[in-house]
Amino acid sequence: MEGATIQRLRSKTVAVGSGKGGVGKSTTSVNIAIVAAKQGYRVALIDLDPLSNIATILDVSSAGLRKVANRVASNSGTLSAF
């Protein structure tokens, strides 16, 4: 990615993290994403917590997750398709 693109992405990135489990990281992340989406922002919610599953909270089917993974893979990792 070009430097300007990376800078724009960084200026719009929110990360939620904690070393302790059960403190509401996933719930907080989902709520922030929902509020941002309702305000018209394009949102990518990425769950890196191996003990959580935001897809379950949002009721996203396995088929839906595969569809997203296939789109990402087919676009060589670019964000322009989204």
PDB file of N, CA and C in Angstrom:
ATOM      1  N   MET A   1       0.842  -1.188   0.000  1.00  0.00           N
ATOM      2  CA  MET A   1       0.000   0.000   0.000  1.00  0.00           C
ATOM      3  C   MET A   1       0.878   1.239   0.000  1.00  0.00           C
ATOM      4  N   GLU A   2       0.323   2.276  -0.563  1.00  0.00           N
ATOM      5  CA  GLU A   2       1.042   3.540  -0.574  1.00  0.00           C
ATOM      6  C   GLU A   2       1.027   4.158   0.820  1.00  0.00           C
ATOM      7  N   GLY A   3       2.005   5.002   1.083  1.00  0.00           N
ATOM      8  CA  GLY A   3       2.117   5.625   2.393  1.00  0.00           C
ATOM      9  C   GLY A   3       0.897   6.425   2.801  1.00  0.00           C
ATOM     10  N   ALA A   4       0.304   7.169   1.858  1.00  0.00           N
ATOM     11  CA  ALA A   4      -0.874   7.980   2.172  1.00  0.00           C
ATOM     12  C   ALA A   4      -2.061   7.098   2.549  1.00  0.00           C
ATOM     13  N   THR A   5      -2.219   5.973   1.857  1.00  0.00           N
ATOM     14  CA  THR A   5      -3.311   5.054   2.162  1.00  0.00           C
ATOM     15  C   THR A   5      -3.147   4.477   3.557  1.00  0.00           C
ATOM     16  N   ILE A   6      -1.941   4.071   3.884  1.00  0.00           N
ATOM     17  CA  ILE A   6      -1.675   3.522   5.214  1.00  0.00           C
ATOM     18  C   ILE A   6      -1.942   4.574   6.281  1.00  0.00           C
ATOM     19  N   GLN A   7      -1.537   5.814   6.038  1.00  0.00           N
ATOM     20  CA  GLN A   7      -1.760   6.880   7.012  1.00  0.00           C
ATOM     21  C   GLN A   7      -3.249   7.118   7.231  1.00  0.00           C
ATOM     22  N   ARG A   8      -4.053   7.098   6.149  1.00  0.00           N
ATOM     23  CA  ARG A   8      -5.502   7.287   6.293  1.00  0.00           C
ATOM     24  C   ARG A   8      -6.107   6.156   7.116  1.00  0.00           C
ATOM     25  N   LEU A   9      -5.662   4.925   6.867  1.00  0.00           N
ATOM     26  CA  LEU A   9      -6.187   3.796   7.632  1.00  0.00           C
ATOM     27  C   LEU A   9      -5.813   3.898   9.103  1.00  0.00           C
ATOM     28  N   ARG A  10      -4.593   4.290   9.380  1.00  0.00           N
ATOM     29  CA  ARG A  10      -4.164   4.414  10.774  1.00  0.00           C
ATOM     30  C   ARG A  10      -4.928   5.508  11.497  1.00  0.00           C
ATOM     31  N   SER A  11      -5.266   6.574  10.800  1.00  0.00           N
ATOM     32  CA  SER A  11      -5.972   7.672  11.463  1.00  0.00           C
ATOM     33  C   SER A  11      -7.413   7.303  11.785  1.00  0.00           C
ATOM     34  N   LYS A  12      -7.881   6.165  11.255  1.00  0.00           N
ATOM     35  CA  LYS A  12      -9.258   5.741  11.482  1.00  0.00           C
ATOM     36  C   LYS A  12      -9.334   4.391  12.178  1.00  0.00           C
ATOM     37  N   THR A  13      -8.275   3.968  12.801  1.00  0.00           N
ATOM     38  CA  THR A  13      -8.231   2.654  13.421  1.00  0.00           C
ATOM     39  C   THR A  13      -8.494   2.748  14.920  1.00  0.00           C
ATOM     40  N   VAL A  14      -9.343   1.852  15.409  1.00  0.00           N
ATOM     41  CA  VAL A  14      -9.611   1.743  16.842  1.00  0.00           C
ATOM     42  C   VAL A  14      -9.295   0.307  17.239  1.00  0.00           C
ATOM     43  N   ALA A  15      -8.523   0.130  18.276  1.00  0.00           N
ATOM     44  CA  ALA A  15      -8.206  -1.214  18.774  1.00  0.00           C
ATOM     45  C   ALA A  15      -8.690  -1.333  20.210  1.00  0.00           C
ATOM     46  N   VAL A  16      -9.266  -2.486  20.520  1.00  0.00           N
ATOM     47  CA  VAL A  16      -9.728  -2.769  21.878  1.00  0.00           C
ATOM     48  C   VAL A  16      -8.963  -3.991  22.362  1.00  0.00           C
ATOM     49  N   GLY A  17      -8.262  -3.854  23.466  1.00  0.00           N
ATOM     50  CA  GLY A  17      -7.475  -4.981  23.948  1.00  0.00           C
ATOM     51  C   GLY A  17      -7.287  -4.951  25.453  1.00  0.00           C
ATOM     52  N   SER A  18      -6.981  -6.107  25.996  1.00  0.00           N
ATOM     53  CA  SER A  18      -6.693  -6.252  27.415  1.00  0.00           C
ATOM     54  C   SER A  18      -6.045  -7.608  27.615  1.00  0.00           C
ATOM     55  N   GLY A  19      -5.165  -7.717  28.556  1.00  0.00           N
ATOM     56  CA  GLY A  19      -4.536  -8.990  28.848  1.00  0.00           C
ATOM     57  C   GLY A  19      -5.424  -9.920  29.654  1.00  0.00           C
ATOM     58  N   LYS A  20      -6.480  -9.372  30.208  1.00  0.00           N
ATOM     59  CA  LYS A  20      -7.378 -10.156  31.058  1.00  0.00           C
ATOM     60  C   LYS A  20      -8.604 -10.590  30.264  1.00  0.00           C
ATOM     61  N   GLY A  21      -9.058 -11.772  30.509  1.00  0.00           N
ATOM     62  CA  GLY A  21     -10.262 -12.272  29.844  1.00  0.00           C
ATOM     63  C   GLY A  21     -11.522 -11.852  30.568  1.00  0.00           C
ATOM     64  N   GLY A  22     -12.623 -11.848  29.850  1.00  0.00           N
ATOM     65  CA  GLY A  22     -13.918 -11.580  30.465  1.00  0.00           C
ATOM     66  C   GLY A  22     -14.171 -10.145  30.860  1.00  0.00           C
ATOM     67  N   VAL A  23     -13.510  -9.203  30.212  1.00  0.00           N
ATOM     68  CA  VAL A  23     -13.699  -7.797  30.573  1.00  0.00           C
ATOM     69  C   VAL A  23     -14.567  -7.043  29.570  1.00  0.00           C
ATOM     70  N   GLY A  24     -15.063  -7.746  28.539  1.00  0.00           N
ATOM     71  CA  GLY A  24     -15.974  -7.119  27.593  1.00  0.00           C
ATOM     72  C   GLY A  24     -15.334  -6.576  26.332  1.00  0.00           C
ATOM     73  N   LYS A  25     -14.173  -7.109  25.946  1.00  0.00           N
ATOM     74  CA  LYS A  25     -13.503  -6.622  24.732  1.00  0.00           C
ATOM     75  C   LYS A  25     -14.361  -6.818  23.490  1.00  0.00           C
ATOM     76  N   SER A  26     -14.912  -8.006  23.337  1.00  0.00           N
ATOM     77  CA  SER A  26     -15.724  -8.290  22.147  1.00  0.00           C
ATOM     78  C   SER A  26     -16.995  -7.456  22.138  1.00  0.00           C
ATOM     79  N   THR A  27     -17.662  -7.374  23.264  1.00  0.00           N
ATOM     80  CA  THR A  27     -18.890  -6.593  23.360  1.00  0.00           C
ATOM     81  C   THR A  27     -18.616  -5.123  23.077  1.00  0.00           C
ATOM     82  N   THR A  28     -17.550  -4.591  23.637  1.00  0.00           N
ATOM     83  CA  THR A  28     -17.170  -3.200  23.397  1.00  0.00           C
ATOM     84  C   THR A  28     -16.862  -2.972  21.929  1.00  0.00           C
ATOM     85  N   SER A  29     -16.115  -3.903  21.330  1.00  0.00           N
ATOM     86  CA  SER A  29     -15.756  -3.775  19.916  1.00  0.00           C
ATOM     87  C   SER A  29     -16.986  -3.769  19.026  1.00  0.00           C
ATOM     88  N   VAL A  30     -17.897  -4.684  19.279  1.00  0.00           N
ATOM     89  CA  VAL A  30     -19.133  -4.751  18.488  1.00  0.00           C
ATOM     90  C   VAL A  30     -19.933  -3.464  18.643  1.00  0.00           C
ATOM     91  N   ASN A  31     -20.063  -2.969  19.856  1.00  0.00           N
ATOM     92  CA  ASN A  31     -20.838  -1.744  20.080  1.00  0.00           C
ATOM     93  C   ASN A  31     -20.212  -0.536  19.397  1.00  0.00           C
ATOM     94  N   ILE A  32     -18.889  -0.406  19.448  1.00  0.00           N
ATOM     95  CA  ILE A  32     -18.207   0.698  18.757  1.00  0.00           C
ATOM     96  C   ILE A  32     -18.444   0.581  17.252  1.00  0.00           C
ATOM     97  N   ALA A  33     -18.314  -0.632  16.721  1.00  0.00           N
ATOM     98  CA  ALA A  33     -18.510  -0.845  15.286  1.00  0.00           C
ATOM     99  C   ALA A  33     -19.937  -0.508  14.858  1.00  0.00           C
ATOM    100  N   ILE A  34     -20.919  -0.897  15.662  1.00  0.00           N
ATOM    101  CA  ILE A  34     -22.318  -0.621  15.331  1.00  0.00           C
ATOM    102  C   ILE A  34     -22.591   0.881  15.337  1.00  0.00           C
ATOM    103  N   VAL A  35     -22.099   1.580  16.337  1.00  0.00           N
ATOM    104  CA  VAL A  35     -22.307   3.029  16.408  1.00  0.00           C
ATOM    105  C   VAL A  35     -21.653   3.714  15.211  1.00  0.00           C
ATOM    106  N   ALA A  36     -20.431   3.322  14.877  1.00  0.00           N
ATOM    107  CA  ALA A  36     -19.737   3.929  13.740  1.00  0.00           C
ATOM    108  C   ALA A  36     -20.486   3.649  12.432  1.00  0.00           C
ATOM    109  N   ALA A  37     -20.955   2.409  12.252  1.00  0.00           N
ATOM    110  CA  ALA A  37     -21.688   2.055  11.036  1.00  0.00           C
ATOM    111  C   ALA A  37     -22.996   2.845  10.929  1.00  0.00           C
ATOM    112  N   LYS A  38     -23.689   3.013  12.044  1.00  0.00           N
ATOM    113  CA  LYS A  38     -24.938   3.784  12.036  1.00  0.00           C
ATOM    114  C   LYS A  38     -24.703   5.247  11.698  1.00  0.00           C
ATOM    115  N   GLN A  39     -23.483   5.732  11.962  1.00  0.00           N
ATOM    116  CA  GLN A  39     -23.146   7.117  11.640  1.00  0.00           C
ATOM    117  C   GLN A  39     -22.613   7.244  10.210  1.00  0.00           C
ATOM    118  N   GLY A  40     -22.636   6.150   9.460  1.00  0.00           N
ATOM    119  CA  GLY A  40     -22.261   6.203   8.052  1.00  0.00           C
ATOM    120  C   GLY A  40     -20.829   5.819   7.738  1.00  0.00           C
ATOM    121  N   TYR A  41     -20.065   5.430   8.734  1.00  0.00           N
ATOM    122  CA  TYR A  41     -18.685   5.003   8.482  1.00  0.00           C
ATOM    123  C   TYR A  41     -18.668   3.574   7.955  1.00  0.00           C
ATOM    124  N   ARG A  42     -17.717   3.284   7.079  1.00  0.00           N
ATOM    125  CA  ARG A  42     -17.492   1.907   6.648  1.00  0.00           C
ATOM    126  C   ARG A  42     -16.643   1.249   7.721  1.00  0.00           C
ATOM    127  N   VAL A  43     -17.074   0.096   8.180  1.00  0.00           N
ATOM    128  CA  VAL A  43     -16.450  -0.542   9.334  1.00  0.00           C
ATOM    129  C   VAL A  43     -15.956  -1.933   8.979  1.00  0.00           C
ATOM    130  N   ALA A  44     -14.741  -2.236   9.400  1.00  0.00           N
ATOM    131  CA  ALA A  44     -14.214  -3.603   9.328  1.00  0.00           C
ATOM    132  C   ALA A  44     -13.936  -4.021  10.764  1.00  0.00           C
ATOM    133  N   LEU A  45     -14.607  -5.037  11.204  1.00  0.00           N
ATOM    134  CA  LEU A  45     -14.445  -5.525  12.571  1.00  0.00           C
ATOM    135  C   LEU A  45     -13.653  -6.823  12.513  1.00  0.00           C
ATOM    136  N   ILE A  46     -12.445  -6.798  13.034  1.00  0.00           N
ATOM    137  CA  ILE A  46     -11.533  -7.941  12.958  1.00  0.00           C
ATOM    138  C   ILE A  46     -11.305  -8.476  14.363  1.00  0.00           C
ATOM    139  N   ASP A  47     -11.645  -9.736  14.574  1.00  0.00           N
ATOM    140  CA  ASP A  47     -11.526 -10.374  15.889  1.00  0.00           C
ATOM    141  C   ASP A  47     -10.268 -11.229  15.919  1.00  0.00           C
ATOM    142  N   LEU A  48      -9.279 -10.827  16.691  1.00  0.00           N
ATOM    143  CA  LEU A  48      -8.033 -11.593  16.819  1.00  0.00           C
ATOM    144  C   LEU A  48      -7.955 -12.343  18.144  1.00  0.00           C
ATOM    145  N   ASP A  49      -9.028 -12.319  18.899  1.00  0.00           N
ATOM    146  CA  ASP A  49      -9.066 -12.995  20.187  1.00  0.00           C
ATOM    147  C   ASP A  49      -9.405 -14.471  19.965  1.00  0.00           C
ATOM    148  N   PRO A  50      -8.481 -15.385  20.267  1.00  0.00           N
ATOM    149  CA  PRO A  50      -8.749 -16.803  20.008  1.00  0.00           C
ATOM    150  C   PRO A  50      -9.850 -17.389  20.905  1.00  0.00           C
ATOM    151  N   LEU A  51     -10.202 -16.700  21.964  1.00  0.00           N
ATOM    152  CA  LEU A  51     -11.238 -17.204  22.874  1.00  0.00           C
ATOM    153  C   LEU A  51     -12.591 -16.561  22.633  1.00  0.00           C
ATOM    154  N   SER A  52     -12.686 -15.728  21.648  1.00  0.00           N
ATOM    155  CA  SER A  52     -13.927 -15.033  21.368  1.00  0.00           C
ATOM    156  C   SER A  52     -14.362 -15.292  19.935  1.00  0.00           C
ATOM    157  N   ASN A  53     -15.594 -14.958  19.653  1.00  0.00           N
ATOM    158  CA  ASN A  53     -16.084 -15.102  18.299  1.00  0.00           C
ATOM    159  C   ASN A  53     -17.134 -14.032  18.044  1.00  0.00           C
ATOM    160  N   ILE A  54     -16.684 -12.916  17.528  1.00  0.00           N
ATOM    161  CA  ILE A  54     -17.596 -11.807  17.255  1.00  0.00           C
ATOM    162  C   ILE A  54     -18.648 -12.214  16.231  1.00  0.00           C
ATOM    163  N   ALA A  55     -18.304 -13.145  15.346  1.00  0.00           N
ATOM    164  CA  ALA A  55     -19.291 -13.618  14.369  1.00  0.00           C
ATOM    165  C   ALA A  55     -20.497 -14.228  15.078  1.00  0.00           C
ATOM    166  N   THR A  56     -20.273 -14.887  16.198  1.00  0.00           N
ATOM    167  CA  THR A  56     -21.377 -15.464  16.960  1.00  0.00           C
ATOM    168  C   THR A  56     -22.235 -14.353  17.563  1.00  0.00           C
ATOM    169  N   ILE A  57     -21.599 -13.331  18.105  1.00  0.00           N
ATOM    170  CA  ILE A  57     -22.336 -12.208  18.689  1.00  0.00           C
ATOM    171  C   ILE A  57     -23.206 -11.543  17.627  1.00  0.00           C
ATOM    172  N   LEU A  58     -22.654 -11.397  16.410  1.00  0.00           N
ATOM    173  CA  LEU A  58     -23.379 -10.743  15.328  1.00  0.00           C
ATOM    174  C   LEU A  58     -24.261 -11.698  14.528  1.00  0.00           C
ATOM    175  N   ASP A  59     -24.243 -12.985  14.889  1.00  0.00           N
ATOM    176  CA  ASP A  59     -25.043 -14.013  14.224  1.00  0.00           C
ATOM    177  C   ASP A  59     -24.713 -14.113  12.728  1.00  0.00           C
ATOM    178  N   VAL A  60     -23.408 -14.148  12.427  1.00  0.00           N
ATOM    179  CA  VAL A  60     -22.936 -14.325  11.054  1.00  0.00           C
ATOM    180  C   VAL A  60     -22.719 -15.818  10.822  1.00  0.00           C
ATOM    181  N   SER A  61     -23.285 -16.328   9.755  1.00  0.00           N
ATOM    182  CA  SER A  61     -23.183 -17.754   9.464  1.00  0.00           C
ATOM    183  C   SER A  61     -21.781 -18.120   8.973  1.00  0.00           C
ATOM    184  N   SER A  62     -21.462 -19.388   9.041  1.00  0.00           N
ATOM    185  CA  SER A  62     -20.182 -19.875   8.515  1.00  0.00           C
ATOM    186  C   SER A  62     -20.067 -19.580   7.029  1.00  0.00           C
ATOM    187  N   ALA A  63     -21.181 -19.693   6.312  1.00  0.00           N
ATOM    188  CA  ALA A  63     -21.170 -19.401   4.877  1.00  0.00           C
ATOM    189  C   ALA A  63     -20.835 -17.930   4.630  1.00  0.00           C
ATOM    190  N   GLY A  64     -21.350 -17.054   5.485  1.00  0.00           N
ATOM    191  CA  GLY A  64     -21.046 -15.632   5.363  1.00  0.00           C
ATOM    192  C   GLY A  64     -19.577 -15.344   5.612  1.00  0.00           C
ATOM    193  N   LEU A  65     -18.998 -16.022   6.592  1.00  0.00           N
ATOM    194  CA  LEU A  65     -17.572 -15.842   6.880  1.00  0.00           C
ATOM    195  C   LEU A  65     -16.714 -16.338   5.720  1.00  0.00           C
ATOM    196  N   ARG A  66     -17.102 -17.466   5.132  1.00  0.00           N
ATOM    197  CA  ARG A  66     -16.357 -17.996   3.975  1.00  0.00           C
ATOM    198  C   ARG A  66     -16.426 -17.031   2.804  1.00  0.00           C
ATOM    199  N   LYS A  67     -17.582 -16.422   2.601  1.00  0.00           N
ATOM    200  CA  LYS A  67     -17.753 -15.461   1.510  1.00  0.00           C
ATOM    201  C   LYS A  67     -16.785 -14.289   1.663  1.00  0.00           C
ATOM    202  N   VAL A  68     -16.679 -13.758   2.869  1.00  0.00           N
ATOM    203  CA  VAL A  68     -15.757 -12.647   3.121  1.00  0.00           C
ATOM    204  C   VAL A  68     -14.318 -13.099   2.913  1.00  0.00           C
ATOM    205  N   ALA A  69     -13.957 -14.259   3.450  1.00  0.00           N
ATOM    206  CA  ALA A  69     -12.590 -14.766   3.294  1.00  0.00           C
ATOM    207  C   ALA A  69     -12.252 -14.969   1.822  1.00  0.00           C
ATOM    208  N   ASN A  70     -13.191 -15.471   1.045  1.00  0.00           N
ATOM    209  CA  ASN A  70     -12.949 -15.670  -0.386  1.00  0.00           C
ATOM    210  C   ASN A  70     -12.780 -14.350  -1.119  1.00  0.00           C
ATOM    211  N   ARG A  71     -13.561 -13.342  -0.744  1.00  0.00           N
ATOM    212  CA  ARG A  71     -13.421 -12.020  -1.382  1.00  0.00           C
ATOM    213  C   ARG A  71     -12.063 -11.414  -1.072  1.00  0.00           C
ATOM    214  N   VAL A  72     -11.636 -11.537   0.162  1.00  0.00           N
ATOM    215  CA  VAL A  72     -10.318 -10.997   0.535  1.00  0.00           C
ATOM    216  C   VAL A  72      -9.227 -11.723  -0.240  1.00  0.00           C
ATOM    217  N   ALA A  73      -9.316 -13.045  -0.295  1.00  0.00           N
ATOM    218  CA  ALA A  73      -8.296 -13.838  -0.993  1.00  0.00           C
ATOM    219  C   ALA A  73      -8.279 -13.525  -2.488  1.00  0.00           C
ATOM    220  N   SER A  74      -9.427 -13.333  -3.088  1.00  0.00           N
ATOM    221  CA  SER A  74      -9.479 -13.096  -4.536  1.00  0.00           C
ATOM    222  C   SER A  74      -9.023 -11.700  -4.929  1.00  0.00           C
ATOM    223  N   ASN A  75      -8.976 -10.774  -3.985  1.00  0.00           N
ATOM    224  CA  ASN A  75      -8.555  -9.408  -4.277  1.00  0.00           C
ATOM    225  C   ASN A  75      -7.121  -9.150  -3.836  1.00  0.00           C
ATOM    226  N   SER A  76      -6.366 -10.187  -3.646  1.00  0.00           N
ATOM    227  CA  SER A  76      -4.949 -10.077  -3.287  1.00  0.00           C
ATOM    228  C   SER A  76      -4.715  -9.214  -2.056  1.00  0.00           C
ATOM    229  N   GLY A  77      -5.635  -9.233  -1.142  1.00  0.00           N
ATOM    230  CA  GLY A  77      -5.461  -8.513   0.109  1.00  0.00           C
ATOM    231  C   GLY A  77      -5.734  -7.025   0.037  1.00  0.00           C
ATOM    232  N   THR A  78      -6.271  -6.522  -1.094  1.00  0.00           N
ATOM    233  CA  THR A  78      -6.557  -5.092  -1.186  1.00  0.00           C
ATOM    234  C   THR A  78      -7.867  -4.771  -0.469  1.00  0.00           C
ATOM    235  N   LEU A  79      -7.988  -3.545  -0.062  1.00  0.00           N
ATOM    236  CA  LEU A  79      -9.198  -3.103   0.628  1.00  0.00           C
ATOM    237  C   LEU A  79     -10.188  -2.439  -0.315  1.00  0.00           C
ATOM    238  N   SER A  80      -9.800  -2.234  -1.569  1.00  0.00           N
ATOM    239  CA  SER A  80     -10.643  -1.487  -2.492  1.00  0.00           C
ATOM    240  C   SER A  80     -11.973  -2.168  -2.788  1.00  0.00           C
ATOM    241  N   ALA A  81     -12.038  -3.489  -2.658  1.00  0.00           N
ATOM    242  CA  ALA A  81     -13.282  -4.203  -2.949  1.00  0.00           C
ATOM    243  C   ALA A  81     -14.318  -3.997  -1.870  1.00  0.00           C
ATOM    244  N   PHE A  82     -13.898  -3.489  -0.744  1.00  0.00           N
ATOM    245  CA  PHE A  82     -14.830  -3.313   0.377  1.00  0.00           C
ATOM    246  C   PHE A  82     -15.109  -1.858   0.538  1.00  0.00           C
TER     247      PHE A  82
END
